[in-house]
Protein backbone atom coordinates (compact mmCIF):
# COMPACT_ATOMS: atom_id res chain seq x y z
CA MET A 1 0.03 0.11 0.06
CA LEU A 2 2.84 2.35 0.98
CA SER A 3 5.10 3.47 -1.83
CA ASP A 4 8.81 2.23 -1.52
CA HIS A 5 9.99 5.88 -0.45
CA LEU A 6 7.40 5.62 2.66
CA VAL A 7 8.29 2.12 3.41
CA GLU A 8 11.76 3.22 4.47
CA TYR A 9 10.37 5.41 7.22
CA LEU A 10 8.21 2.61 8.97
CA ASP A 11 10.67 2.27 11.84
CA SER A 12 10.97 6.10 12.43
CA ILE A 13 7.07 6.96 12.23
CA PRO A 14 4.97 4.26 13.94
CA SER A 15 1.74 5.76 12.65
CA LEU A 16 2.57 4.49 9.12
CA HIS A 17 2.00 0.97 10.40
CA GLU A 18 -1.81 2.14 10.84
CA VAL A 19 -2.32 3.30 7.14
CA THR A 20 -5.43 1.79 5.46
CA LYS A 21 -5.23 3.98 2.42
CA CYS A 22 -2.52 5.77 0.73
CA GLU A 23 -3.33 8.31 -2.12
CA LEU A 24 -0.71 10.10 -4.30
CA LEU A 25 -1.64 13.75 -4.57
CA ARG A 26 1.28 15.12 -6.39
CA LYS A 27 4.49 13.97 -7.98
CA TRP A 28 7.37 16.17 -9.06
CA THR A 29 10.83 15.40 -10.11
CA LEU A 30 12.20 16.24 -6.66
CA SER A 31 9.23 15.47 -4.29
CA GLU A 32 5.90 13.45 -3.71
CA VAL A 33 2.84 14.35 -1.66
CA TYR A 34 0.55 11.65 -0.32
CA ARG A 35 -2.70 11.66 1.78
CA ILE A 36 -2.81 8.75 4.24
CA THR A 37 -5.81 7.47 5.99
CA LEU A 38 -5.25 5.85 9.48
CA GLN A 39 -7.17 3.08 11.01
CA SER A 40 -8.76 5.75 13.28
CA GLY A 41 -10.18 7.40 10.01
CA SER A 42 -8.14 10.43 10.59
CA THR A 43 -5.91 11.66 7.60
CA LEU A 44 -2.46 13.05 7.28
CA ILE A 45 -0.29 14.60 4.44
CA LEU A 46 3.20 13.13 3.82
CA LYS A 47 5.71 14.93 1.77
CA TRP A 48 8.67 13.08 0.68
CA GLY A 49 11.71 14.62 -0.97
CA GLY A 50 15.47 14.62 -1.44
CA GLN A 51 18.07 16.67 0.67
CA GLU A 52 16.21 20.06 -0.12
CA MET A 53 13.42 18.81 2.31
CA ALA A 54 15.68 19.57 5.19
CA GLY A 55 15.62 23.28 4.02
CA GLU A 56 11.85 23.07 3.87
CA ALA A 57 11.52 21.74 7.30
CA ASP A 58 13.93 24.51 8.63
CA ILE A 59 11.63 27.15 6.99
CA TYR A 60 8.55 25.79 9.04
CA ARG A 61 10.65 25.67 12.00
CA LYS A 62 12.48 29.00 11.86
CA LEU A 63 9.98 31.14 10.04
CA ILE A 64 6.40 29.81 9.72
CA THR A 65 5.89 28.71 13.40
CA PRO A 66 7.43 31.59 15.22
CA LEU A 67 5.78 34.04 12.86
CA GLN A 68 2.44 32.35 13.77
CA ILE A 69 1.57 31.97 9.97
CA HIS A 70 -1.68 30.28 8.97
CA ALA A 71 -0.23 27.18 7.52
CA PRO A 72 -0.28 23.35 7.97
CA ARG A 73 1.17 21.95 11.36
CA ILE A 74 4.11 19.87 11.10
CA TYR A 75 4.10 16.73 13.32
CA HIS A 76 7.18 14.83 12.24
CA VAL A 77 10.32 15.40 10.07
CA VAL A 78 12.48 12.55 9.47
CA GLU A 79 15.78 12.97 7.69
CA GLN A 80 17.73 10.11 6.03
CA GLN A 81 20.50 10.15 3.66
CA GLN A 82 18.42 9.14 0.59
CA GLY A 83 15.91 11.77 1.41
CA SER A 84 13.54 13.35 4.03
CA LEU A 85 9.82 12.87 4.91
CA MET A 86 7.52 15.46 6.56
CA VAL A 87 4.33 14.40 8.25
CA MET A 88 1.85 17.24 8.21
CA GLU A 89 -1.74 18.27 9.06
CA ASP A 90 -4.33 17.62 6.35
CA CYS A 91 -5.84 20.92 5.83
CA GLY A 92 -8.55 20.20 3.32
CA SER A 93 -9.44 18.09 0.28
CA TYR A 94 -9.71 20.78 -2.34
CA ASN A 95 -7.60 23.78 -3.59
CA LEU A 96 -8.49 26.92 -5.63
CA GLU A 97 -7.10 25.23 -8.79
CA GLN A 98 -9.51 22.26 -8.38
CA GLN A 99 -12.54 24.42 -7.39
CA PRO A 100 -12.10 27.97 -8.38
CA SER A 101 -14.66 30.57 -7.18
CA ALA A 102 -14.81 34.27 -7.04
CA ASN A 103 -15.42 34.45 -3.27
CA GLN A 104 -12.38 32.21 -2.39
CA PHE A 105 -10.08 34.14 -4.54
CA LEU A 106 -11.18 37.44 -2.64
CA GLN A 107 -10.65 35.32 0.63
CA ALA A 108 -7.21 34.48 -0.40
CA ALA A 109 -6.37 38.23 -0.92
CA SER A 110 -7.82 38.78 2.69
CA GLU A 111 -5.82 36.01 4.06
CA LEU A 112 -2.59 37.28 2.41
CA ALA A 113 -3.19 40.73 4.12
CA ARG A 114 -3.57 38.92 7.47
CA ILE A 115 -0.43 36.70 6.93
CA ARG A 116 1.72 39.61 6.03
CA ALA A 117 0.39 41.77 9.06
CA THR A 118 0.91 38.91 11.49
CA ALA A 119 4.53 38.11 10.24
CA SER A 120 5.50 41.76 10.40
CA LEU A 121 4.18 41.99 13.85
CA ASN A 122 5.84 38.91 15.03
CA LEU A 123 9.20 39.47 13.47
CA ASN A 124 10.90 40.75 16.42
CA ASP A 125 10.42 37.24 18.00
CA ILE A 126 12.85 35.80 15.59
CA PRO A 127 16.54 35.89 16.14
CA THR A 128 18.39 38.54 14.09
CA SER A 129 20.65 35.82 12.54
CA VAL A 130 17.43 34.04 11.29
CA ILE A 131 16.07 37.19 9.75
CA ARG A 132 19.34 37.85 7.98
CA SER A 133 19.54 34.23 6.62
CA TYR A 134 16.14 34.43 4.96
CA THR A 135 15.85 38.04 3.86
CA VAL A 136 16.29 38.77 0.27
CA SER A 137 17.52 42.26 -0.02
CA ALA A 138 17.29 44.77 -2.88
CA SER A 139 20.92 44.23 -3.80
CA GLU A 140 20.27 40.51 -4.25
CA PHE A 141 17.36 41.03 -6.63
CA LEU A 142 19.65 43.27 -8.69
CA SER A 143 22.30 40.61 -8.51
CA LEU A 144 19.88 38.12 -9.65
CA LEU A 145 18.93 40.62 -12.69
CA ASP A 146 22.48 40.76 -13.51
CA LYS A 147 22.66 36.86 -13.69
CA LEU A 148 19.77 36.75 -16.01
CA LEU A 149 21.36 39.19 -18.35
CA GLN A 150 24.38 37.07 -18.42
CA SER A 151 22.48 33.86 -18.90
CA GLN A 152 22.24 31.81 -22.20
CA HIS A 153 18.45 32.31 -22.26
CA LEU A 154 18.15 36.09 -21.69
CA ALA A 155 21.61 37.56 -22.35
CA GLY A 156 21.16 41.13 -23.60
CA ASN A 157 17.42 41.10 -23.36
CA SER A 158 16.28 44.73 -23.92
CA THR A 159 13.51 44.62 -21.29
CA LEU A 160 16.03 43.49 -18.65
CA LYS A 161 18.58 45.95 -19.59
CA GLN A 162 15.99 48.78 -19.17
CA LEU A 163 14.93 47.29 -15.86
CA ARG A 164 18.72 47.19 -14.75
CA ILE A 165 18.76 51.08 -15.26
CA HIS A 166 15.52 51.97 -13.42
CA LEU A 167 14.71 49.11 -10.95
CA PRO A 168 17.47 50.35 -8.26
CA ASP A 169 15.37 53.46 -7.54
CA GLN A 170 12.13 51.49 -7.35
CA LEU A 171 13.58 48.78 -5.10
CA ASP A 172 15.13 51.52 -2.88
CA LYS A 173 11.62 53.13 -2.34
CA LEU A 174 10.16 49.57 -1.68
CA TYR A 175 12.66 48.62 0.88
CA ARG A 176 12.54 52.25 2.65
CA THR A 177 8.76 52.41 2.72
CA ILE A 178 7.34 48.90 3.22
CA PRO A 179 8.24 46.63 6.21
CA ILE A 180 9.80 43.39 5.66
CA THR A 181 7.52 40.37 5.94
CA ILE A 182 6.98 36.87 4.77
CA VAL A 183 6.89 36.03 1.11
CA HIS A 184 5.34 32.55 0.14
CA HIS A 185 6.65 32.87 -3.39
CA ASP A 186 4.13 30.38 -4.83
CA TYR A 187 0.90 31.82 -3.90
CA HIS A 188 -0.84 30.13 -6.57
CA ALA A 189 -4.27 28.33 -6.73
CA LYS A 190 -2.67 24.90 -6.31
CA ASN A 191 -1.27 25.99 -2.87
CA LEU A 192 -4.48 27.56 -1.68
CA VAL A 193 -6.46 25.14 0.18
CA ILE A 194 -10.36 25.64 0.78
CA GLN A 195 -11.47 25.62 4.26
CA ASP A 196 -14.86 26.53 5.93
CA ASN A 197 -14.64 30.28 5.83
CA ARG A 198 -11.14 31.09 4.67
CA VAL A 199 -8.26 29.81 2.60
CA MET A 200 -5.13 28.22 3.93
CA PRO A 201 -1.90 28.62 1.85
CA ILE A 202 0.22 25.29 1.89
CA ASP A 203 3.82 24.45 0.58
CA TRP A 204 5.90 27.08 2.26
CA SER A 205 9.02 25.47 0.74
CA SER A 206 10.08 28.70 -1.13
CA ALA A 207 9.25 31.20 1.62
CA TYR A 208 11.47 34.06 2.45
CA LEU A 209 11.67 37.65 3.90
CA SER A 210 11.09 40.75 1.82
CA PRO A 211 8.62 43.85 1.68
CA HIS A 212 7.64 43.00 -1.87
CA LEU A 213 3.89 41.91 -2.85
CA GLY A 214 4.75 39.44 -5.46
CA ASP A 215 2.32 37.08 -3.84
CA LEU A 216 -0.72 39.35 -4.47
CA TYR A 217 0.58 39.75 -8.19
CA CYS A 218 0.44 35.90 -8.58
CA LEU A 219 -3.10 35.85 -7.06
CA THR A 220 -4.19 38.61 -9.41
CA THR A 221 -3.26 36.72 -12.50
CA GLU A 222 -4.62 33.47 -11.54
CA ALA A 223 -7.90 35.03 -10.12
CA SER A 224 -8.48 36.60 -13.53
CA ALA A 225 -7.68 33.42 -15.37
CA LEU A 226 -9.70 30.92 -13.39
CA SER A 227 -12.77 33.03 -11.90
CA GLN A 228 -12.92 36.22 -13.92
CA VAL A 229 -12.16 38.22 -10.74
CA THR A 230 -10.31 41.44 -11.77
CA ARG A 231 -7.05 42.73 -10.48
CA GLU A 232 -8.88 45.68 -8.94
CA GLU A 233 -11.22 43.50 -7.08
CA ILE A 234 -8.44 41.29 -5.56
CA ILE A 235 -6.44 44.51 -4.63
CA THR A 236 -9.60 46.03 -3.15
CA ALA A 237 -10.16 42.89 -0.95
CA TYR A 238 -6.58 43.12 0.20
CA GLN A 239 -6.84 46.87 0.88
CA HIS A 240 -10.12 46.33 2.88
CA GLU A 241 -8.24 43.70 5.18
CA LEU A 242 -5.36 45.89 5.68
CA GLY A 243 -7.75 48.51 7.39
CA GLN A 244 -5.02 51.11 6.70
CA HIS A 245 -5.29 54.26 4.57
CA THR A 246 -3.14 52.86 1.71
CA SER A 247 -4.38 54.08 -1.71
CA MET A 248 -5.27 51.73 -4.60
CA GLU A 249 -2.45 53.52 -6.52
CA GLN A 250 0.01 52.75 -4.02
CA LEU A 251 -1.06 48.99 -3.84
CA GLY A 252 -1.02 48.99 -7.44
CA TRP A 253 2.57 50.00 -7.58
CA GLN A 254 3.42 47.49 -4.85
CA VAL A 255 1.79 44.70 -7.03
CA ASP A 256 3.68 45.72 -9.95
CA ILE A 257 7.19 45.97 -8.38
CA GLY A 258 6.40 42.85 -6.46
CA GLY A 259 5.52 40.99 -9.62
CA ILE A 260 8.95 42.16 -11.09
CA CYS A 261 10.70 40.56 -7.97
CA TRP A 262 8.80 37.34 -8.15
CA LEU A 263 9.49 37.14 -12.01
CA ILE A 264 13.30 37.88 -11.48
CA LYS A 265 13.67 35.38 -8.68
CA THR A 266 11.62 32.64 -10.64
CA LEU A 267 13.47 33.22 -13.88
CA ALA A 268 16.82 33.05 -12.12
CA TRP A 269 16.03 29.76 -10.83
CA LEU A 270 14.90 28.51 -14.05
CA VAL A 271 18.07 29.70 -15.92
CA ASP A 272 20.31 28.33 -13.06
CA GLY A 273 19.32 24.82 -13.59
CA GLY A 274 15.58 24.67 -12.92
CA THR A 275 15.00 23.94 -16.74
CA SER A 276 16.95 20.70 -16.10
CA ILE A 277 14.84 19.73 -13.08
CA ILE A 278 11.41 20.41 -14.54
CA PRO A 279 11.01 18.87 -17.99
CA GLY A 280 9.41 21.42 -20.47
CA SER A 281 9.94 24.47 -18.05
CA GLU A 282 12.15 26.31 -20.66
CA ASP A 283 9.12 26.86 -22.49
CA TRP A 284 7.76 29.14 -19.48
CA ILE A 285 10.52 31.65 -20.14
CA PRO A 286 9.14 33.53 -22.98
CA ASP A 287 5.68 33.85 -21.31
CA LEU A 288 7.21 34.95 -18.06
CA MET A 289 9.16 37.67 -19.99
CA LYS A 290 6.04 38.85 -21.62
CA ASP A 291 4.70 39.29 -18.10
CA MET A 292 7.79 41.19 -17.14
CA GLU A 293 7.31 43.43 -20.14
CA GLN A 294 3.86 44.21 -19.13
CA LEU A 295 4.81 45.19 -15.59
CA ALA A 296 7.63 47.42 -16.76
CA GLN A 297 5.16 49.23 -19.07
CA ASN A 298 2.76 49.52 -15.98
CA MET A 299 5.51 51.32 -14.23
CA ASN A 300 6.88 53.23 -17.19
CA LEU A 301 10.41 51.70 -16.78
């Protein structure tokens, strides 16, 4: 019933002996996710992966838990030479990709506002060394942009060259005026689990600290594609939850610069070996660059 990967952890996690059903939910090149049902009828989520899973467990332990983020609880982490296994709370059966709805996308915008506010509030509870380790600075985004301009895929790209000229001032403004908080970096419908009256983001494996609002940018693009909710409606829901006097114009700028930050980091991962890890991902680059061009136009860069 259990896959070969999971059988290896029977001695470390006794509850695996009680499994009556094991369902594969997702399978990537580097990891697999299962839902298991125990004899009691309760369910758990198992995520198996290679050595990078240790880094994911650290993110939960050092960032997500102390920042009191609304995220799945981690019950066990077992690290072995051939890989690691996380045993997590089962937060729900369906995500927004499987069951898209306008109301739930608006809930996801509100949830993001709550998450960012909570993280900012609790940031002082984290050691300075941890904050420093997980913060992506403005200079790091510029360094990633430089690497894109030197990469085989995007060397000399005119949009990126213009960004390199104008982006430093925009990033300086962002980091001076917006507090550092948590960034999920994969705030997409597949990772937004539907619960009774709210949405729970799962898979925080790429999370880091930064002021940028790339998560809301990702949400606006998918909300429009999957449920016809407009960008303005998503930003308005986020603004309402903030309860602050932040104008739509200011939030629009934050979404645009956040989208650029998200795209830079995503493209940098792809050109730095990601295309070898995920088959077919090289085809994503032209579409991502079209999005980058649109955001640069929005900001008159």
